[in-house]
Amino acid sequence: MDAMTLLREDHRKVKKLLAKIESTTERGVKTRQDLFTKVKQELVVHEAIEEEIFYPALKQHPKTQEIAMEAYEEHHVVDLVLPEIKGTDPKGGPFAAKAKVLKDLVEHHAEEEEKEMFPRARKLMDRERLIELGEQLAKARETARTSFLERVAGMLRP
């Protein structure tokens, strides 16, 4: 699988989870908490693999350097919103409002990558390089997921 296919799959997964959060009501506290935990895990892992593997490959090319730098900044904004949501009562309206803002940010970021960044990357890198990056992303994703789950489990231990 090439890099863009793998990243698109991640985008779709997170978008679905965010849409599910948006469809919840204030009575669905447990559902909201569970969905938010999944969203956070997916975003943390996705950001890590993009920032460690994909964006550095793009920064090497003058035609994709600027868009890669912008993507790092968009990740930073998402990272500012995540703890705010975590610190918000899932029963209240502010949780839904912050989750909506997160959804808008993620959708904008994914659309920009898919419509601007990915086509530029396809023009600059041959198929072999894109598959190589995809393999690196897949390995890094599994490592990052394991690491995330271990950190969460460590926080839950007495």
N, C-alpha and C. Protein backbone atom coordinates (compact mmCIF):
# COMPACT_ATOMS: atom_id res chain seq x y z
N MET A 1 0.85 -1.17 0.00
CA MET A 1 0.00 0.00 0.00
C MET A 1 0.90 1.24 0.00
N ASP A 2 0.52 2.21 -0.80
CA ASP A 2 1.36 3.42 -0.82
C ASP A 2 0.98 4.35 0.32
N ALA A 3 1.82 5.34 0.55
CA ALA A 3 1.66 6.25 1.69
C ALA A 3 0.31 6.96 1.69
N MET A 4 -0.10 7.46 0.53
CA MET A 4 -1.35 8.22 0.49
C MET A 4 -2.58 7.35 0.78
N THR A 5 -2.55 6.11 0.31
CA THR A 5 -3.67 5.21 0.58
C THR A 5 -3.79 4.96 2.08
N LEU A 6 -2.68 4.69 2.73
CA LEU A 6 -2.68 4.46 4.17
C LEU A 6 -3.19 5.70 4.93
N LEU A 7 -2.70 6.87 4.57
CA LEU A 7 -3.11 8.09 5.26
C LEU A 7 -4.58 8.41 5.01
N ARG A 8 -5.06 8.15 3.78
CA ARG A 8 -6.49 8.35 3.50
C ARG A 8 -7.36 7.45 4.37
N GLU A 9 -6.93 6.21 4.56
CA GLU A 9 -7.68 5.29 5.43
C GLU A 9 -7.78 5.86 6.84
N ASP A 10 -6.66 6.40 7.34
CA ASP A 10 -6.68 7.02 8.66
C ASP A 10 -7.66 8.19 8.70
N HIS A 11 -7.63 9.01 7.66
CA HIS A 11 -8.54 10.17 7.60
C HIS A 11 -9.99 9.71 7.69
N ARG A 12 -10.34 8.72 6.90
CA ARG A 12 -11.73 8.23 6.89
C ARG A 12 -12.14 7.70 8.27
N LYS A 13 -11.24 6.96 8.90
CA LYS A 13 -11.55 6.39 10.21
C LYS A 13 -11.83 7.49 11.24
N VAL A 14 -10.97 8.50 11.28
CA VAL A 14 -11.15 9.59 12.25
C VAL A 14 -12.40 10.40 11.93
N LYS A 15 -12.65 10.66 10.66
CA LYS A 15 -13.86 11.41 10.29
C LYS A 15 -15.12 10.68 10.74
N LYS A 16 -15.15 9.35 10.58
CA LYS A 16 -16.31 8.57 11.02
C LYS A 16 -16.49 8.67 12.53
N LEU A 17 -15.39 8.55 13.27
CA LEU A 17 -15.48 8.65 14.72
C LEU A 17 -15.97 10.03 15.15
N LEU A 18 -15.47 11.08 14.51
CA LEU A 18 -15.90 12.44 14.86
C LEU A 18 -17.37 12.66 14.50
N ALA A 19 -17.82 12.09 13.40
CA ALA A 19 -19.24 12.20 13.04
C ALA A 19 -20.11 11.49 14.07
N LYS A 20 -19.63 10.37 14.60
CA LYS A 20 -20.38 9.66 15.64
C LYS A 20 -20.47 10.51 16.90
N ILE A 21 -19.37 11.16 17.28
CA ILE A 21 -19.40 12.04 18.45
C ILE A 21 -20.42 13.14 18.23
N GLU A 22 -20.39 13.72 17.04
CA GLU A 22 -21.31 14.83 16.75
C GLU A 22 -22.77 14.40 16.84
N SER A 23 -23.05 13.14 16.54
CA SER A 23 -24.43 12.66 16.57
C SER A 23 -24.90 12.26 17.97
N THR A 24 -24.00 12.30 18.96
CA THR A 24 -24.40 11.92 20.32
C THR A 24 -25.13 13.08 21.00
N THR A 25 -25.83 12.72 22.07
CA THR A 25 -26.50 13.74 22.87
C THR A 25 -25.82 13.83 24.23
N GLU A 26 -26.25 14.78 25.01
CA GLU A 26 -25.68 14.97 26.35
C GLU A 26 -25.92 13.77 27.25
N ARG A 27 -26.90 12.95 26.91
CA ARG A 27 -27.17 11.75 27.72
C ARG A 27 -26.17 10.63 27.42
N GLY A 28 -25.46 10.72 26.31
CA GLY A 28 -24.53 9.66 25.92
C GLY A 28 -23.13 9.89 26.44
N VAL A 29 -23.01 10.12 27.73
CA VAL A 29 -21.73 10.44 28.35
C VAL A 29 -20.70 9.35 28.08
N LYS A 30 -21.04 8.11 28.37
CA LYS A 30 -20.10 6.99 28.18
C LYS A 30 -19.71 6.86 26.71
N THR A 31 -20.68 6.97 25.82
CA THR A 31 -20.40 6.88 24.39
C THR A 31 -19.46 8.00 23.96
N ARG A 32 -19.73 9.22 24.43
CA ARG A 32 -18.86 10.34 24.10
C ARG A 32 -17.44 10.12 24.60
N GLN A 33 -17.33 9.64 25.82
CA GLN A 33 -16.00 9.39 26.39
C GLN A 33 -15.25 8.32 25.59
N ASP A 34 -15.93 7.24 25.27
CA ASP A 34 -15.31 6.15 24.51
C ASP A 34 -14.89 6.60 23.12
N LEU A 35 -15.78 7.32 22.46
CA LEU A 35 -15.46 7.81 21.11
C LEU A 35 -14.31 8.80 21.15
N PHE A 36 -14.32 9.69 22.14
CA PHE A 36 -13.24 10.66 22.23
C PHE A 36 -11.90 9.97 22.46
N THR A 37 -11.89 8.93 23.30
CA THR A 37 -10.66 8.18 23.55
C THR A 37 -10.14 7.58 22.24
N LYS A 38 -11.04 7.02 21.45
CA LYS A 38 -10.65 6.44 20.16
C LYS A 38 -10.13 7.51 19.20
N VAL A 39 -10.82 8.65 19.16
CA VAL A 39 -10.39 9.75 18.29
C VAL A 39 -9.00 10.22 18.69
N LYS A 40 -8.81 10.41 19.98
CA LYS A 40 -7.52 10.88 20.45
C LYS A 40 -6.42 9.90 20.08
N GLN A 41 -6.65 8.61 20.30
CA GLN A 41 -5.65 7.60 19.94
C GLN A 41 -5.33 7.68 18.46
N GLU A 42 -6.35 7.70 17.63
CA GLU A 42 -6.12 7.72 16.19
C GLU A 42 -5.38 8.98 15.75
N LEU A 43 -5.74 10.12 16.32
CA LEU A 43 -5.07 11.37 15.94
C LEU A 43 -3.62 11.40 16.40
N VAL A 44 -3.38 10.97 17.62
CA VAL A 44 -2.01 10.97 18.15
C VAL A 44 -1.12 10.07 17.28
N VAL A 45 -1.61 8.90 16.95
CA VAL A 45 -0.84 7.97 16.13
C VAL A 45 -0.64 8.53 14.73
N HIS A 46 -1.71 9.03 14.13
CA HIS A 46 -1.64 9.57 12.77
C HIS A 46 -0.67 10.74 12.69
N GLU A 47 -0.78 11.65 13.62
CA GLU A 47 0.14 12.80 13.63
C GLU A 47 1.59 12.33 13.76
N ALA A 48 1.81 11.38 14.64
CA ALA A 48 3.18 10.90 14.88
C ALA A 48 3.79 10.33 13.60
N ILE A 49 3.06 9.50 12.89
CA ILE A 49 3.65 8.88 11.70
C ILE A 49 3.82 9.89 10.57
N GLU A 50 2.89 10.82 10.46
CA GLU A 50 3.07 11.85 9.43
C GLU A 50 4.29 12.70 9.74
N GLU A 51 4.42 13.10 11.00
CA GLU A 51 5.50 14.01 11.38
C GLU A 51 6.87 13.33 11.39
N GLU A 52 6.90 12.04 11.64
CA GLU A 52 8.18 11.32 11.68
C GLU A 52 8.62 10.83 10.31
N ILE A 53 7.67 10.53 9.42
CA ILE A 53 8.03 9.89 8.16
C ILE A 53 7.58 10.67 6.93
N PHE A 54 6.30 10.97 6.85
CA PHE A 54 5.78 11.54 5.60
C PHE A 54 6.19 13.00 5.39
N TYR A 55 5.98 13.83 6.38
CA TYR A 55 6.32 15.25 6.21
C TYR A 55 7.82 15.48 5.98
N PRO A 56 8.70 14.79 6.70
CA PRO A 56 10.13 14.97 6.40
C PRO A 56 10.47 14.62 4.94
N ALA A 57 9.81 13.60 4.39
CA ALA A 57 10.05 13.26 2.98
C ALA A 57 9.59 14.39 2.07
N LEU A 58 8.50 15.05 2.43
CA LEU A 58 7.98 16.16 1.63
C LEU A 58 8.84 17.42 1.78
N LYS A 59 9.38 17.61 2.97
CA LYS A 59 10.20 18.81 3.21
C LYS A 59 11.47 18.81 2.37
N GLN A 60 11.87 17.66 1.87
CA GLN A 60 13.07 17.58 1.04
C GLN A 60 12.87 18.21 -0.34
N HIS A 61 11.62 18.40 -0.74
CA HIS A 61 11.32 18.94 -2.06
C HIS A 61 10.80 20.37 -1.95
N PRO A 62 11.38 21.30 -2.66
CA PRO A 62 10.93 22.69 -2.58
C PRO A 62 9.44 22.87 -2.91
N LYS A 63 8.90 22.02 -3.78
CA LYS A 63 7.50 22.17 -4.18
C LYS A 63 6.50 21.69 -3.12
N THR A 64 6.99 20.98 -2.11
CA THR A 64 6.08 20.50 -1.05
C THR A 64 6.53 20.95 0.34
N GLN A 65 7.59 21.68 0.40
CA GLN A 65 8.13 22.11 1.68
C GLN A 65 7.14 22.98 2.45
N GLU A 66 6.56 23.96 1.79
CA GLU A 66 5.65 24.90 2.47
C GLU A 66 4.39 24.20 2.96
N ILE A 67 3.81 23.34 2.14
CA ILE A 67 2.58 22.66 2.55
C ILE A 67 2.86 21.69 3.70
N ALA A 68 4.05 21.11 3.74
CA ALA A 68 4.41 20.23 4.86
C ALA A 68 4.53 21.05 6.15
N MET A 69 5.14 22.20 6.06
CA MET A 69 5.27 23.05 7.25
C MET A 69 3.91 23.51 7.76
N GLU A 70 3.00 23.82 6.85
CA GLU A 70 1.64 24.20 7.25
C GLU A 70 0.94 23.03 7.95
N ALA A 71 1.19 21.83 7.47
CA ALA A 71 0.56 20.65 8.07
C ALA A 71 1.03 20.44 9.51
N TYR A 72 2.32 20.67 9.76
CA TYR A 72 2.82 20.59 11.14
C TYR A 72 2.04 21.56 12.03
N GLU A 73 1.81 22.77 11.54
CA GLU A 73 1.10 23.78 12.32
C GLU A 73 -0.36 23.39 12.56
N GLU A 74 -0.98 22.77 11.57
CA GLU A 74 -2.36 22.32 11.76
C GLU A 74 -2.42 21.22 12.82
N HIS A 75 -1.43 20.36 12.84
CA HIS A 75 -1.35 19.34 13.90
C HIS A 75 -1.24 20.03 15.27
N HIS A 76 -0.45 21.06 15.32
CA HIS A 76 -0.27 21.79 16.59
C HIS A 76 -1.61 22.33 17.09
N VAL A 77 -2.42 22.86 16.20
CA VAL A 77 -3.73 23.39 16.60
C VAL A 77 -4.62 22.26 17.12
N VAL A 78 -4.60 21.13 16.45
CA VAL A 78 -5.38 19.97 16.93
C VAL A 78 -4.90 19.57 18.32
N ASP A 79 -3.59 19.60 18.53
CA ASP A 79 -3.02 19.24 19.83
C ASP A 79 -3.43 20.21 20.93
N LEU A 80 -3.77 21.42 20.58
CA LEU A 80 -4.25 22.39 21.57
C LEU A 80 -5.71 22.12 21.94
N VAL A 81 -6.49 21.64 20.98
CA VAL A 81 -7.92 21.40 21.20
C VAL A 81 -8.16 20.10 21.97
N LEU A 82 -7.36 19.07 21.72
CA LEU A 82 -7.59 17.76 22.36
C LEU A 82 -7.65 17.84 23.89
N PRO A 83 -6.68 18.48 24.57
CA PRO A 83 -6.77 18.52 26.03
C PRO A 83 -7.95 19.37 26.52
N GLU A 84 -8.34 20.35 25.72
CA GLU A 84 -9.51 21.14 26.12
C GLU A 84 -10.76 20.28 26.13
N ILE A 85 -10.89 19.42 25.13
CA ILE A 85 -12.05 18.53 25.09
C ILE A 85 -11.99 17.55 26.24
N LYS A 86 -10.83 16.98 26.48
CA LYS A 86 -10.66 16.01 27.57
C LYS A 86 -11.04 16.64 28.91
N GLY A 87 -10.77 17.91 29.08
CA GLY A 87 -11.07 18.60 30.33
C GLY A 87 -12.49 19.12 30.42
N THR A 88 -13.32 18.82 29.44
CA THR A 88 -14.69 19.31 29.40
C THR A 88 -15.66 18.20 29.77
N ASP A 89 -16.67 18.53 30.54
CA ASP A 89 -17.69 17.57 30.94
C ASP A 89 -18.46 17.08 29.70
N PRO A 90 -18.44 15.76 29.43
CA PRO A 90 -19.13 15.24 28.25
C PRO A 90 -20.65 15.45 28.27
N LYS A 91 -21.20 15.80 29.43
CA LYS A 91 -22.64 16.05 29.52
C LYS A 91 -23.01 17.42 28.97
N GLY A 92 -22.05 18.32 28.91
CA GLY A 92 -22.39 19.69 28.59
C GLY A 92 -22.24 20.07 27.12
N GLY A 93 -22.82 21.21 26.81
CA GLY A 93 -22.75 21.77 25.47
C GLY A 93 -21.34 22.13 25.04
N PRO A 94 -20.49 22.61 25.96
CA PRO A 94 -19.12 22.93 25.55
C PRO A 94 -18.37 21.72 24.97
N PHE A 95 -18.64 20.53 25.48
CA PHE A 95 -18.00 19.34 24.93
C PHE A 95 -18.38 19.20 23.46
N ALA A 96 -19.67 19.29 23.17
CA ALA A 96 -20.14 19.15 21.78
C ALA A 96 -19.55 20.25 20.90
N ALA A 97 -19.47 21.47 21.42
CA ALA A 97 -18.94 22.58 20.64
C ALA A 97 -17.46 22.36 20.32
N LYS A 98 -16.70 21.94 21.32
CA LYS A 98 -15.26 21.70 21.10
C LYS A 98 -15.05 20.51 20.16
N ALA A 99 -15.86 19.48 20.31
CA ALA A 99 -15.76 18.33 19.41
C ALA A 99 -16.08 18.73 17.97
N LYS A 100 -17.01 19.64 17.80
CA LYS A 100 -17.36 20.14 16.46
C LYS A 100 -16.19 20.92 15.86
N VAL A 101 -15.54 21.74 16.68
CA VAL A 101 -14.37 22.49 16.21
C VAL A 101 -13.27 21.51 15.81
N LEU A 102 -13.05 20.49 16.62
CA LEU A 102 -12.04 19.48 16.29
C LEU A 102 -12.39 18.81 14.96
N LYS A 103 -13.64 18.46 14.79
CA LYS A 103 -14.09 17.83 13.54
C LYS A 103 -13.81 18.74 12.35
N ASP A 104 -14.13 20.01 12.47
CA ASP A 104 -13.88 20.97 11.38
C ASP A 104 -12.40 21.08 11.08
N LEU A 105 -11.56 21.13 12.11
CA LEU A 105 -10.12 21.22 11.92
C LEU A 105 -9.58 19.98 11.19
N VAL A 106 -10.00 18.82 11.65
CA VAL A 106 -9.52 17.57 11.07
C VAL A 106 -9.99 17.44 9.62
N GLU A 107 -11.25 17.77 9.37
CA GLU A 107 -11.76 17.67 8.00
C GLU A 107 -11.03 18.62 7.06
N HIS A 108 -10.77 19.85 7.52
CA HIS A 108 -10.02 20.81 6.71
C HIS A 108 -8.61 20.28 6.41
N HIS A 109 -7.96 19.80 7.44
CA HIS A 109 -6.60 19.28 7.30
C HIS A 109 -6.56 18.09 6.32
N ALA A 110 -7.47 17.15 6.49
CA ALA A 110 -7.51 15.97 5.62
C ALA A 110 -7.80 16.36 4.17
N GLU A 111 -8.72 17.29 3.99
CA GLU A 111 -9.05 17.73 2.63
C GLU A 111 -7.86 18.41 1.97
N GLU A 112 -7.17 19.24 2.71
CA GLU A 112 -6.00 19.92 2.17
C GLU A 112 -4.91 18.91 1.79
N GLU A 113 -4.71 17.93 2.65
CA GLU A 113 -3.71 16.90 2.32
C GLU A 113 -4.12 16.13 1.06
N GLU A 114 -5.38 15.69 1.03
CA GLU A 114 -5.82 14.84 -0.06
C GLU A 114 -5.93 15.58 -1.40
N LYS A 115 -6.28 16.86 -1.35
CA LYS A 115 -6.47 17.60 -2.61
C LYS A 115 -5.26 18.38 -3.07
N GLU A 116 -4.37 18.72 -2.14
CA GLU A 116 -3.19 19.50 -2.51
C GLU A 116 -1.89 18.74 -2.29
N MET A 117 -1.68 18.26 -1.07
CA MET A 117 -0.41 17.64 -0.72
C MET A 117 -0.19 16.31 -1.46
N PHE A 118 -1.16 15.43 -1.42
CA PHE A 118 -0.99 14.12 -2.02
C PHE A 118 -0.74 14.19 -3.53
N PRO A 119 -1.51 14.99 -4.29
CA PRO A 119 -1.19 15.09 -5.72
C PRO A 119 0.22 15.62 -5.99
N ARG A 120 0.67 16.57 -5.20
CA ARG A 120 2.04 17.08 -5.37
C ARG A 120 3.06 15.97 -5.07
N ALA A 121 2.81 15.22 -4.01
CA ALA A 121 3.72 14.13 -3.64
C ALA A 121 3.79 13.09 -4.76
N ARG A 122 2.64 12.78 -5.36
CA ARG A 122 2.61 11.79 -6.45
C ARG A 122 3.43 12.26 -7.64
N LYS A 123 3.45 13.55 -7.88
CA LYS A 123 4.24 14.09 -9.00
C LYS A 123 5.73 14.06 -8.70
N LEU A 124 6.10 14.20 -7.44
CA LEU A 124 7.50 14.29 -7.07
C LEU A 124 8.16 12.95 -6.77
N MET A 125 7.36 11.97 -6.35
CA MET A 125 7.93 10.68 -5.93
C MET A 125 7.41 9.57 -6.83
N ASP A 126 8.29 8.64 -7.16
CA ASP A 126 7.84 7.53 -7.98
C ASP A 126 7.07 6.52 -7.12
N ARG A 127 6.43 5.59 -7.79
CA ARG A 127 5.58 4.60 -7.12
C ARG A 127 6.35 3.80 -6.07
N GLU A 128 7.57 3.42 -6.40
CA GLU A 128 8.39 2.65 -5.45
C GLU A 128 8.62 3.42 -4.15
N ARG A 129 8.92 4.70 -4.28
CA ARG A 129 9.17 5.53 -3.09
C ARG A 129 7.89 5.65 -2.26
N LEU A 130 6.76 5.82 -2.92
CA LEU A 130 5.49 5.95 -2.20
C LEU A 130 5.11 4.66 -1.49
N ILE A 131 5.42 3.53 -2.10
CA ILE A 131 5.16 2.24 -1.44
C ILE A 131 6.11 2.06 -0.27
N GLU A 132 7.36 2.44 -0.46
CA GLU A 132 8.34 2.36 0.63
C GLU A 132 7.89 3.22 1.82
N LEU A 133 7.43 4.43 1.54
CA LEU A 133 6.92 5.29 2.61
C LEU A 133 5.69 4.67 3.27
N GLY A 134 4.83 4.06 2.47
CA GLY A 134 3.64 3.40 3.01
C GLY A 134 3.99 2.29 3.97
N GLU A 135 5.02 1.51 3.62
CA GLU A 135 5.47 0.44 4.50
C GLU A 135 6.05 1.00 5.79
N GLN A 136 6.82 2.07 5.68
CA GLN A 136 7.38 2.70 6.87
C GLN A 136 6.26 3.26 7.76
N LEU A 137 5.26 3.88 7.13
CA LEU A 137 4.13 4.43 7.89
C LEU A 137 3.36 3.32 8.60
N ALA A 138 3.15 2.20 7.92
CA ALA A 138 2.40 1.09 8.53
C ALA A 138 3.13 0.54 9.76
N LYS A 139 4.45 0.36 9.64
CA LYS A 139 5.23 -0.12 10.79
C LYS A 139 5.20 0.88 11.93
N ALA A 140 5.40 2.14 11.58
CA ALA A 140 5.41 3.19 12.61
C ALA A 140 4.04 3.31 13.28
N ARG A 141 2.98 3.11 12.51
CA ARG A 141 1.62 3.21 13.06
C ARG A 141 1.42 2.13 14.12
N GLU A 142 1.85 0.91 13.85
CA GLU A 142 1.70 -0.16 14.84
C GLU A 142 2.51 0.12 16.09
N THR A 143 3.74 0.60 15.91
CA THR A 143 4.59 0.94 17.05
C THR A 143 3.95 2.06 17.87
N ALA A 144 3.44 3.08 17.19
CA ALA A 144 2.83 4.22 17.89
C ALA A 144 1.56 3.80 18.62
N ARG A 145 0.76 2.94 18.01
CA ARG A 145 -0.46 2.46 18.68
C ARG A 145 -0.11 1.70 19.95
N THR A 146 0.86 0.81 19.86
CA THR A 146 1.29 0.04 21.02
C THR A 146 1.79 0.96 22.11
N SER A 147 2.60 1.94 21.75
CA SER A 147 3.14 2.89 22.71
C SER A 147 2.02 3.69 23.37
N PHE A 148 1.06 4.15 22.58
CA PHE A 148 -0.08 4.92 23.11
C PHE A 148 -0.85 4.07 24.11
N LEU A 149 -1.16 2.85 23.74
CA LEU A 149 -1.94 1.97 24.62
C LEU A 149 -1.18 1.64 25.90
N GLU A 150 0.14 1.47 25.80
CA GLU A 150 0.94 1.22 27.00
C GLU A 150 0.93 2.43 27.93
N ARG A 151 1.01 3.64 27.37
CA ARG A 151 0.95 4.85 28.20
C ARG A 151 -0.39 4.97 28.89
N VAL A 152 -1.46 4.71 28.17
CA VAL A 152 -2.80 4.80 28.75
C VAL A 152 -2.95 3.75 29.85
N ALA A 153 -2.50 2.53 29.60
CA ALA A 153 -2.59 1.48 30.61
C ALA A 153 -1.79 1.86 31.85
N GLY A 154 -0.63 2.47 31.65
CA GLY A 154 0.20 2.91 32.78
C GLY A 154 -0.49 3.96 33.62
N MET A 155 -1.29 4.80 32.99
CA MET A 155 -2.02 5.85 33.72
C MET A 155 -3.15 5.25 34.55
N LEU A 156 -3.63 4.09 34.13
CA LEU A 156 -4.76 3.47 34.82
C LEU A 156 -4.34 2.60 35.98
N ARG A 157 -3.07 2.21 36.01
CA ARG A 157 -2.58 1.36 37.11
C ARG A 157 -2.51 2.14 38.41
N PRO A 158 -2.86 1.48 39.51
CA PRO A 158 -2.78 2.17 40.82
C PRO A 158 -1.36 2.39 41.26
